[in-house]
Amino acid sequence: MKGWPSKKEVDALCAPYWQNRYGISVQDGLLMRGCRIIIPKSHQAEVLNQIHEGHLGITKCRDRARCSVYWPVISKVIEEKIKSCTGSIRVK
């Protein structure tokens, strides 16, 4: 809320967000990156399951996420989730 410290002073929890610091804001109590809600680590697995509901492929899941949610390396996490999902492999 009071700005970002220098890169050397950023704590470990905030470090992954530092490179996007100018695109991060607070709106109605939600931490946002642009128009996407930043999802805390404690809720990422649940949100990932919702993104992957229906066993969509990598591209469609990434598109879904780009519309609404963000966390560092989300694209890679989505790819790993889809590649390890036996339901997605059958749907192809």
PDB file of N, CA and C in Angstrom:
ATOM      1  N   MET A   1       0.826  -1.200   0.000  1.00  0.00           N
ATOM      2  CA  MET A   1       0.000   0.000   0.000  1.00  0.00           C
ATOM      3  C   MET A   1       0.868   1.262   0.000  1.00  0.00           C
ATOM      4  N   LYS A   2       2.097   1.133   0.485  1.00  0.00           N
ATOM      5  CA  LYS A   2       2.967   2.307   0.587  1.00  0.00           C
ATOM      6  C   LYS A   2       4.075   2.295  -0.458  1.00  0.00           C
ATOM      7  N   GLY A   3       3.983   1.419  -1.444  1.00  0.00           N
ATOM      8  CA  GLY A   3       5.007   1.348  -2.476  1.00  0.00           C
ATOM      9  C   GLY A   3       5.917   0.149  -2.280  1.00  0.00           C
ATOM     10  N   TRP A   4       6.813  -0.029  -3.220  1.00  0.00           N
ATOM     11  CA  TRP A   4       7.710  -1.179  -3.216  1.00  0.00           C
ATOM     12  C   TRP A   4       9.094  -0.785  -2.731  1.00  0.00           C
ATOM     13  N   PRO A   5       9.711  -1.638  -1.941  1.00  0.00           N
ATOM     14  CA  PRO A   5      11.108  -1.410  -1.544  1.00  0.00           C
ATOM     15  C   PRO A   5      12.021  -1.731  -2.734  1.00  0.00           C
ATOM     16  N   SER A   6      13.311  -1.484  -2.584  1.00  0.00           N
ATOM     17  CA  SER A   6      14.248  -1.857  -3.631  1.00  0.00           C
ATOM     18  C   SER A   6      14.268  -3.381  -3.746  1.00  0.00           C
ATOM     19  N   LYS A   7      14.779  -3.868  -4.856  1.00  0.00           N
ATOM     20  CA  LYS A   7      14.792  -5.318  -5.091  1.00  0.00           C
ATOM     21  C   LYS A   7      15.537  -6.067  -3.991  1.00  0.00           C
ATOM     22  N   LYS A   8      16.599  -5.472  -3.468  1.00  0.00           N
ATOM     23  CA  LYS A   8      17.377  -6.111  -2.399  1.00  0.00           C
ATOM     24  C   LYS A   8      16.589  -6.244  -1.107  1.00  0.00           C
ATOM     25  N   GLU A   9      15.634  -5.352  -0.888  1.00  0.00           N
ATOM     26  CA  GLU A   9      14.894  -5.310   0.374  1.00  0.00           C
ATOM     27  C   GLU A   9      13.561  -6.056   0.338  1.00  0.00           C
ATOM     28  N   VAL A  10      13.181  -6.588  -0.807  1.00  0.00           N
ATOM     29  CA  VAL A  10      11.898  -7.285  -0.928  1.00  0.00           C
ATOM     30  C   VAL A  10      11.965  -8.611  -0.192  1.00  0.00           C
ATOM     31  N   ASP A  11      10.950  -8.906   0.631  1.00  0.00           N
ATOM     32  CA  ASP A  11      10.940 -10.179   1.347  1.00  0.00           C
ATOM     33  C   ASP A  11      10.598 -11.326   0.393  1.00  0.00           C
ATOM     34  N   ALA A  12      10.864 -12.533   0.820  1.00  0.00           N
ATOM     35  CA  ALA A  12      10.713 -13.721  -0.023  1.00  0.00           C
ATOM     36  C   ALA A  12       9.282 -13.909  -0.530  1.00  0.00           C
ATOM     37  N   LEU A  13       8.304 -13.553   0.273  1.00  0.00           N
ATOM     38  CA  LEU A  13       6.910 -13.714  -0.120  1.00  0.00           C
ATOM     39  C   LEU A  13       6.532 -12.812  -1.300  1.00  0.00           C
ATOM     40  N   CYS A  14       7.086 -11.615  -1.324  1.00  0.00           N
ATOM     41  CA  CYS A  14       6.753 -10.644  -2.369  1.00  0.00           C
ATOM     42  C   CYS A  14       7.699 -10.674  -3.570  1.00  0.00           C
ATOM     43  N   ALA A  15       8.847 -11.317  -3.425  1.00  0.00           N
ATOM     44  CA  ALA A  15       9.868 -11.322  -4.480  1.00  0.00           C
ATOM     45  C   ALA A  15       9.345 -11.778  -5.849  1.00  0.00           C
ATOM     46  N   PRO A  16       8.516 -12.822  -5.936  1.00  0.00           N
ATOM     47  CA  PRO A  16       8.041 -13.243  -7.257  1.00  0.00           C
ATOM     48  C   PRO A  16       7.169 -12.190  -7.966  1.00  0.00           C
ATOM     49  N   TYR A  17       6.643 -11.251  -7.213  1.00  0.00           N
ATOM     50  CA  TYR A  17       5.764 -10.227  -7.775  1.00  0.00           C
ATOM     51  C   TYR A  17       6.513  -8.935  -8.114  1.00  0.00           C
ATOM     52  N   TRP A  18       7.766  -8.831  -7.692  1.00  0.00           N
ATOM     53  CA  TRP A  18       8.513  -7.583  -7.801  1.00  0.00           C
ATOM     54  C   TRP A  18       8.624  -7.101  -9.241  1.00  0.00           C
ATOM     55  N   GLN A  19       8.884  -7.996 -10.174  1.00  0.00           N
ATOM     56  CA  GLN A  19       9.043  -7.575 -11.568  1.00  0.00           C
ATOM     57  C   GLN A  19       7.760  -7.009 -12.156  1.00  0.00           C
ATOM     58  N   ASN A  20       6.617  -7.327 -11.570  1.00  0.00           N
ATOM     59  CA  ASN A  20       5.320  -6.809 -12.039  1.00  0.00           C
ATOM     60  C   ASN A  20       4.766  -5.729 -11.123  1.00  0.00           C
ATOM     61  N   ARG A  21       5.609  -5.165 -10.279  1.00  0.00           N
ATOM     62  CA  ARG A  21       5.161  -4.260  -9.213  1.00  0.00           C
ATOM     63  C   ARG A  21       4.355  -3.066  -9.713  1.00  0.00           C
ATOM     64  N   TYR A  22       4.670  -2.563 -10.897  1.00  0.00           N
ATOM     65  CA  TYR A  22       3.951  -1.380 -11.378  1.00  0.00           C
ATOM     66  C   TYR A  22       2.573  -1.720 -11.941  1.00  0.00           C
ATOM     67  N   GLY A  23       2.310  -2.991 -12.169  1.00  0.00           N
ATOM     68  CA  GLY A  23       1.004  -3.411 -12.661  1.00  0.00           C
ATOM     69  C   GLY A  23       0.107  -3.959 -11.563  1.00  0.00           C
ATOM     70  N   ILE A  24       0.579  -3.900 -10.323  1.00  0.00           N
ATOM     71  CA  ILE A  24      -0.184  -4.444  -9.199  1.00  0.00           C
ATOM     72  C   ILE A  24      -0.874  -3.313  -8.443  1.00  0.00           C
ATOM     73  N   SER A  25      -2.144  -3.530  -8.122  1.00  0.00           N
ATOM     74  CA  SER A  25      -2.912  -2.524  -7.394  1.00  0.00           C
ATOM     75  C   SER A  25      -3.878  -3.223  -6.440  1.00  0.00           C
ATOM     76  N   VAL A  26      -4.553  -2.430  -5.638  1.00  0.00           N
ATOM     77  CA  VAL A  26      -5.588  -2.944  -4.739  1.00  0.00           C
ATOM     78  C   VAL A  26      -6.902  -2.311  -5.157  1.00  0.00           C
ATOM     79  N   GLN A  27      -7.901  -3.153  -5.411  1.00  0.00           N
ATOM     80  CA  GLN A  27      -9.229  -2.666  -5.789  1.00  0.00           C
ATOM     81  C   GLN A  27     -10.263  -3.402  -4.949  1.00  0.00           C
ATOM     82  N   ASP A  28     -11.061  -2.663  -4.221  1.00  0.00           N
ATOM     83  CA  ASP A  28     -12.090  -3.241  -3.354  1.00  0.00           C
ATOM     84  C   ASP A  28     -11.526  -4.329  -2.441  1.00  0.00           C
ATOM     85  N   GLY A  29     -10.312  -4.114  -1.948  1.00  0.00           N
ATOM     86  CA  GLY A  29      -9.690  -5.055  -1.029  1.00  0.00           C
ATOM     87  C   GLY A  29      -9.031  -6.252  -1.692  1.00  0.00           C
ATOM     88  N   LEU A  30      -9.045  -6.316  -3.023  1.00  0.00           N
ATOM     89  CA  LEU A  30      -8.423  -7.422  -3.751  1.00  0.00           C
ATOM     90  C   LEU A  30      -7.119  -6.963  -4.375  1.00  0.00           C
ATOM     91  N   LEU A  31      -6.113  -7.799  -4.307  1.00  0.00           N
ATOM     92  CA  LEU A  31      -4.841  -7.522  -4.944  1.00  0.00           C
ATOM     93  C   LEU A  31      -4.986  -7.899  -6.413  1.00  0.00           C
ATOM     94  N   MET A  32      -4.668  -6.960  -7.291  1.00  0.00           N
ATOM     95  CA  MET A  32      -4.895  -7.147  -8.716  1.00  0.00           C
ATOM     96  C   MET A  32      -3.605  -6.966  -9.512  1.00  0.00           C
ATOM     97  N   ARG A  33      -3.493  -7.694 -10.607  1.00  0.00           N
ATOM     98  CA  ARG A  33      -2.471  -7.427 -11.617  1.00  0.00           C
ATOM     99  C   ARG A  33      -3.252  -7.087 -12.872  1.00  0.00           C
ATOM    100  N   GLY A  34      -3.307  -5.803 -13.183  1.00  0.00           N
ATOM    101  CA  GLY A  34      -4.177  -5.355 -14.260  1.00  0.00           C
ATOM    102  C   GLY A  34      -5.610  -5.617 -13.851  1.00  0.00           C
ATOM    103  N   CYS A  35      -6.328  -6.377 -14.676  1.00  0.00           N
ATOM    104  CA  CYS A  35      -7.725  -6.708 -14.358  1.00  0.00           C
ATOM    105  C   CYS A  35      -7.868  -8.123 -13.791  1.00  0.00           C
ATOM    106  N   ARG A  36      -6.736  -8.759 -13.464  1.00  0.00           N
ATOM    107  CA  ARG A  36      -6.747 -10.128 -12.946  1.00  0.00           C
ATOM    108  C   ARG A  36      -6.522 -10.138 -11.434  1.00  0.00           C
ATOM    109  N   ILE A  37      -7.262 -10.976 -10.725  1.00  0.00           N
ATOM    110  CA  ILE A  37      -7.110 -11.107  -9.286  1.00  0.00           C
ATOM    111  C   ILE A  37      -5.862 -11.956  -9.003  1.00  0.00           C
ATOM    112  N   ILE A  38      -5.007 -11.474  -8.107  1.00  0.00           N
ATOM    113  CA  ILE A  38      -3.843 -12.245  -7.693  1.00  0.00           C
ATOM    114  C   ILE A  38      -4.306 -13.255  -6.646  1.00  0.00           C
ATOM    115  N   ILE A  39      -4.080 -14.520  -6.948  1.00  0.00           N
ATOM    116  CA  ILE A  39      -4.533 -15.607  -6.088  1.00  0.00           C
ATOM    117  C   ILE A  39      -3.418 -15.987  -5.116  1.00  0.00           C
ATOM    118  N   PRO A  40      -3.699 -15.960  -3.809  1.00  0.00           N
ATOM    119  CA  PRO A  40      -2.680 -16.369  -2.838  1.00  0.00           C
ATOM    120  C   PRO A  40      -2.369 -17.861  -2.966  1.00  0.00           C
ATOM    121  N   LYS A  41      -1.176 -18.228  -2.584  1.00  0.00           N
ATOM    122  CA  LYS A  41      -0.710 -19.619  -2.691  1.00  0.00           C
ATOM    123  C   LYS A  41      -1.692 -20.596  -2.053  1.00  0.00           C
ATOM    124  N   SER A  42      -2.304 -20.198  -0.949  1.00  0.00           N
ATOM    125  CA  SER A  42      -3.227 -21.085  -0.236  1.00  0.00           C
ATOM    126  C   SER A  42      -4.478 -21.442  -1.045  1.00  0.00           C
ATOM    127  N   HIS A  43      -4.788 -20.686  -2.097  1.00  0.00           N
ATOM    128  CA  HIS A  43      -5.987 -20.938  -2.902  1.00  0.00           C
ATOM    129  C   HIS A  43      -5.675 -21.336  -4.342  1.00  0.00           C
ATOM    130  N   GLN A  44      -4.409 -21.401  -4.693  1.00  0.00           N
ATOM    131  CA  GLN A  44      -4.045 -21.668  -6.083  1.00  0.00           C
ATOM    132  C   GLN A  44      -4.487 -23.040  -6.570  1.00  0.00           C
ATOM    133  N   ALA A  45      -4.359 -24.073  -5.768  1.00  0.00           N
ATOM    134  CA  ALA A  45      -4.766 -25.423  -6.191  1.00  0.00           C
ATOM    135  C   ALA A  45      -6.261 -25.470  -6.479  1.00  0.00           C
ATOM    136  N   GLU A  46      -7.048 -24.845  -5.619  1.00  0.00           N
ATOM    137  CA  GLU A  46      -8.501 -24.817  -5.818  1.00  0.00           C
ATOM    138  C   GLU A  46      -8.869 -24.075  -7.104  1.00  0.00           C
ATOM    139  N   VAL A  47      -8.245 -22.927  -7.329  1.00  0.00           N
ATOM    140  CA  VAL A  47      -8.516 -22.140  -8.536  1.00  0.00           C
ATOM    141  C   VAL A  47      -8.050 -22.900  -9.774  1.00  0.00           C
ATOM    142  N   LEU A  48      -6.913 -23.562  -9.688  1.00  0.00           N
ATOM    143  CA  LEU A  48      -6.412 -24.355 -10.805  1.00  0.00           C
ATOM    144  C   LEU A  48      -7.406 -25.452 -11.172  1.00  0.00           C
ATOM    145  N   ASN A  49      -7.978 -26.096 -10.191  1.00  0.00           N
ATOM    146  CA  ASN A  49      -8.990 -27.129 -10.465  1.00  0.00           C
ATOM    147  C   ASN A  49     -10.209 -26.529 -11.160  1.00  0.00           C
ATOM    148  N   GLN A  50     -10.602 -25.330 -10.764  1.00  0.00           N
ATOM    149  CA  GLN A  50     -11.737 -24.670 -11.408  1.00  0.00           C
ATOM    150  C   GLN A  50     -11.414 -24.277 -12.843  1.00  0.00           C
ATOM    151  N   ILE A  51     -10.191 -23.803 -13.067  1.00  0.00           N
ATOM    152  CA  ILE A  51      -9.765 -23.455 -14.426  1.00  0.00           C
ATOM    153  C   ILE A  51      -9.808 -24.696 -15.316  1.00  0.00           C
ATOM    154  N   HIS A  52      -9.421 -25.833 -14.759  1.00  0.00           N
ATOM    155  CA  HIS A  52      -9.323 -27.073 -15.526  1.00  0.00           C
ATOM    156  C   HIS A  52     -10.629 -27.874 -15.563  1.00  0.00           C
ATOM    157  N   GLU A  53     -11.661 -27.355 -14.938  1.00  0.00           N
ATOM    158  CA  GLU A  53     -12.949 -28.047 -14.931  1.00  0.00           C
ATOM    159  C   GLU A  53     -13.381 -28.329 -16.363  1.00  0.00           C
ATOM    160  N   GLY A  54     -13.834 -29.531 -16.625  1.00  0.00           N
ATOM    161  CA  GLY A  54     -14.225 -29.923 -17.973  1.00  0.00           C
ATOM    162  C   GLY A  54     -13.067 -30.507 -18.759  1.00  0.00           C
ATOM    163  N   HIS A  55     -11.904 -30.597 -18.120  1.00  0.00           N
ATOM    164  CA  HIS A  55     -10.705 -31.188 -18.722  1.00  0.00           C
ATOM    165  C   HIS A  55     -10.328 -30.517 -20.043  1.00  0.00           C
ATOM    166  N   LEU A  56     -10.352 -29.188 -20.035  1.00  0.00           N
ATOM    167  CA  LEU A  56      -9.928 -28.441 -21.209  1.00  0.00           C
ATOM    168  C   LEU A  56      -8.429 -28.605 -21.410  1.00  0.00           C
ATOM    169  N   GLY A  57      -7.956 -28.339 -22.600  1.00  0.00           N
ATOM    170  CA  GLY A  57      -6.536 -28.443 -22.899  1.00  0.00           C
ATOM    171  C   GLY A  57      -5.752 -27.255 -22.367  1.00  0.00           C
ATOM    172  N   ILE A  58      -4.457 -27.275 -22.610  1.00  0.00           N
ATOM    173  CA  ILE A  58      -3.550 -26.242 -22.099  1.00  0.00           C
ATOM    174  C   ILE A  58      -3.944 -24.856 -22.595  1.00  0.00           C
ATOM    175  N   THR A  59      -4.170 -24.716 -23.886  1.00  0.00           N
ATOM    176  CA  THR A  59      -4.477 -23.395 -24.464  1.00  0.00           C
ATOM    177  C   THR A  59      -5.768 -22.819 -23.891  1.00  0.00           C
ATOM    178  N   LYS A  60      -6.800 -23.617 -23.821  1.00  0.00           N
ATOM    179  CA  LYS A  60      -8.079 -23.124 -23.306  1.00  0.00           C
ATOM    180  C   LYS A  60      -8.001 -22.791 -21.822  1.00  0.00           C
ATOM    181  N   CYS A  61      -7.270 -23.590 -21.059  1.00  0.00           N
ATOM    182  CA  CYS A  61      -7.107 -23.300 -19.632  1.00  0.00           C
ATOM    183  C   CYS A  61      -6.306 -22.013 -19.435  1.00  0.00           C
ATOM    184  N   ARG A  62      -5.259 -21.833 -20.218  1.00  0.00           N
ATOM    185  CA  ARG A  62      -4.489 -20.588 -20.127  1.00  0.00           C
ATOM    186  C   ARG A  62      -5.351 -19.391 -20.495  1.00  0.00           C
ATOM    187  N   ASP A  63      -6.160 -19.524 -21.529  1.00  0.00           N
ATOM    188  CA  ASP A  63      -7.058 -18.431 -21.928  1.00  0.00           C
ATOM    189  C   ASP A  63      -8.036 -18.095 -20.803  1.00  0.00           C
ATOM    190  N   ARG A  64      -8.562 -19.123 -20.180  1.00  0.00           N
ATOM    191  CA  ARG A  64      -9.489 -18.935 -19.060  1.00  0.00           C
ATOM    192  C   ARG A  64      -8.816 -18.164 -17.920  1.00  0.00           C
ATOM    193  N   ALA A  65      -7.600 -18.556 -17.586  1.00  0.00           N
ATOM    194  CA  ALA A  65      -6.857 -17.912 -16.498  1.00  0.00           C
ATOM    195  C   ALA A  65      -6.525 -16.462 -16.846  1.00  0.00           C
ATOM    196  N   ARG A  66      -6.123 -16.207 -18.087  1.00  0.00           N
ATOM    197  CA  ARG A  66      -5.738 -14.843 -18.496  1.00  0.00           C
ATOM    198  C   ARG A  66      -6.878 -13.842 -18.349  1.00  0.00           C
ATOM    199  N   CYS A  67      -8.085 -14.331 -18.342  1.00  0.00           N
ATOM    200  CA  CYS A  67      -9.249 -13.448 -18.213  1.00  0.00           C
ATOM    201  C   CYS A  67      -9.523 -13.015 -16.780  1.00  0.00           C
ATOM    202  N   SER A  68      -8.969 -13.766 -15.804  1.00  0.00           N
ATOM    203  CA  SER A  68      -9.447 -13.475 -14.456  1.00  0.00           C
ATOM    204  C   SER A  68      -8.443 -13.612 -13.319  1.00  0.00           C
ATOM    205  N   VAL A  69      -7.467 -14.482 -13.414  1.00  0.00           N
ATOM    206  CA  VAL A  69      -6.607 -14.748 -12.261  1.00  0.00           C
ATOM    207  C   VAL A  69      -5.124 -14.702 -12.636  1.00  0.00           C
ATOM    208  N   TYR A  70      -4.287 -14.517 -11.593  1.00  0.00           N
ATOM    209  CA  TYR A  70      -2.840 -14.473 -11.806  1.00  0.00           C
ATOM    210  C   TYR A  70      -2.115 -14.950 -10.552  1.00  0.00           C
ATOM    211  N   TRP A  71      -1.010 -15.637 -10.767  1.00  0.00           N
ATOM    212  CA  TRP A  71       0.038 -15.855  -9.767  1.00  0.00           C
ATOM    213  C   TRP A  71       1.299 -16.159 -10.552  1.00  0.00           C
ATOM    214  N   PRO A  72       2.458 -15.977  -9.946  1.00  0.00           N
ATOM    215  CA  PRO A  72       3.702 -16.228 -10.674  1.00  0.00           C
ATOM    216  C   PRO A  72       3.742 -17.651 -11.242  1.00  0.00           C
ATOM    217  N   VAL A  73       4.246 -17.786 -12.419  1.00  0.00           N
ATOM    218  CA  VAL A  73       4.395 -19.037 -13.188  1.00  0.00           C
ATOM    219  C   VAL A  73       3.080 -19.795 -13.388  1.00  0.00           C
ATOM    220  N   ILE A  74       1.968 -19.094 -13.433  1.00  0.00           N
ATOM    221  CA  ILE A  74       0.667 -19.746 -13.608  1.00  0.00           C
ATOM    222  C   ILE A  74       0.616 -20.534 -14.916  1.00  0.00           C
ATOM    223  N   SER A  75       1.208 -20.021 -15.960  1.00  0.00           N
ATOM    224  CA  SER A  75       1.173 -20.705 -17.248  1.00  0.00           C
ATOM    225  C   SER A  75       1.857 -22.072 -17.166  1.00  0.00           C
ATOM    226  N   LYS A  76       2.989 -22.117 -16.505  1.00  0.00           N
ATOM    227  CA  LYS A  76       3.720 -23.379 -16.342  1.00  0.00           C
ATOM    228  C   LYS A  76       2.941 -24.352 -15.455  1.00  0.00           C
ATOM    229  N   VAL A  77       2.324 -23.837 -14.401  1.00  0.00           N
ATOM    230  CA  VAL A  77       1.535 -24.680 -13.495  1.00  0.00           C
ATOM    231  C   VAL A  77       0.350 -25.295 -14.250  1.00  0.00           C
ATOM    232  N   ILE A  78      -0.289 -24.506 -15.092  1.00  0.00           N
ATOM    233  CA  ILE A  78      -1.410 -25.011 -15.889  1.00  0.00           C
ATOM    234  C   ILE A  78      -0.926 -26.129 -16.812  1.00  0.00           C
ATOM    235  N   GLU A  79       0.188 -25.893 -17.485  1.00  0.00           N
ATOM    236  CA  GLU A  79       0.734 -26.906 -18.397  1.00  0.00           C
ATOM    237  C   GLU A  79       1.025 -28.212 -17.662  1.00  0.00           C
ATOM    238  N   GLU A  80       1.647 -28.122 -16.503  1.00  0.00           N
ATOM    239  CA  GLU A  80       1.963 -29.328 -15.722  1.00  0.00           C
ATOM    240  C   GLU A  80       0.698 -30.056 -15.279  1.00  0.00           C
ATOM    241  N   LYS A  81      -0.305 -29.295 -14.879  1.00  0.00           N
ATOM    242  CA  LYS A  81      -1.581 -29.883 -14.447  1.00  0.00           C
ATOM    243  C   LYS A  81      -2.226 -30.659 -15.590  1.00  0.00           C
ATOM    244  N   ILE A  82      -2.276 -30.058 -16.774  1.00  0.00           N
ATOM    245  CA  ILE A  82      -2.927 -30.696 -17.917  1.00  0.00           C
ATOM    246  C   ILE A  82      -2.154 -31.950 -18.340  1.00  0.00           C
ATOM    247  N   LYS A  83      -0.834 -31.842 -18.375  1.00  0.00           N
ATOM    248  CA  LYS A  83      -0.014 -32.981 -18.802  1.00  0.00           C
ATOM    249  C   LYS A  83      -0.126 -34.168 -17.849  1.00  0.00           C
ATOM    250  N   SER A  84      -0.422 -33.892 -16.591  1.00  0.00           N
ATOM    251  CA  SER A  84      -0.523 -34.983 -15.616  1.00  0.00           C
ATOM    252  C   SER A  84      -1.956 -35.483 -15.418  1.00  0.00           C
ATOM    253  N   CYS A  85      -2.905 -34.888 -16.108  1.00  0.00           N
ATOM    254  CA  CYS A  85      -4.311 -35.243 -15.919  1.00  0.00           C
ATOM    255  C   CYS A  85      -4.719 -36.350 -16.900  1.00  0.00           C
ATOM    256  N   THR A  86      -5.081 -37.499 -16.352  1.00  0.00           N
ATOM    257  CA  THR A  86      -5.487 -38.621 -17.207  1.00  0.00           C
ATOM    258  C   THR A  86      -6.819 -38.331 -17.893  1.00  0.00           C
ATOM    259  N   GLY A  87      -7.682 -37.557 -17.263  1.00  0.00           N
ATOM    260  CA  GLY A  87      -8.969 -37.187 -17.889  1.00  0.00           C
ATOM    261  C   GLY A  87      -8.755 -36.323 -19.110  1.00  0.00           C
ATOM    262  N   SER A  88      -7.807 -35.429 -19.071  1.00  0.00           N
ATOM    263  CA  SER A  88      -7.506 -34.566 -20.201  1.00  0.00           C
ATOM    264  C   SER A  88      -6.927 -35.376 -21.353  1.00  0.00           C
ATOM    265  N   ILE A  89      -6.122 -36.354 -21.024  1.00  0.00           N
ATOM    266  CA  ILE A  89      -5.504 -37.178 -22.067  1.00  0.00           C
ATOM    267  C   ILE A  89      -6.592 -37.955 -22.823  1.00  0.00           C
ATOM    268  N   ARG A  90      -7.600 -38.462 -22.101  1.00  0.00           N
ATOM    269  CA  ARG A  90      -8.703 -39.196 -22.744  1.00  0.00           C
ATOM    270  C   ARG A  90      -9.560 -38.281 -23.597  1.00  0.00           C
ATOM    271  N   VAL A  91      -9.767 -37.042 -23.165  1.00  0.00           N
ATOM    272  CA  VAL A  91     -10.656 -36.116 -23.877  1.00  0.00           C
ATOM    273  C   VAL A  91     -10.061 -35.711 -25.228  1.00  0.00           C
ATOM    274  N   LYS A  92      -8.728 -35.653 -25.316  1.00  0.00           N
ATOM    275  CA  LYS A  92      -8.074 -35.249 -26.580  1.00  0.00           C
ATOM    276  C   LYS A  92      -8.639 -36.052 -27.698  1.00  0.00           C
TER     277      LYS A  92
END
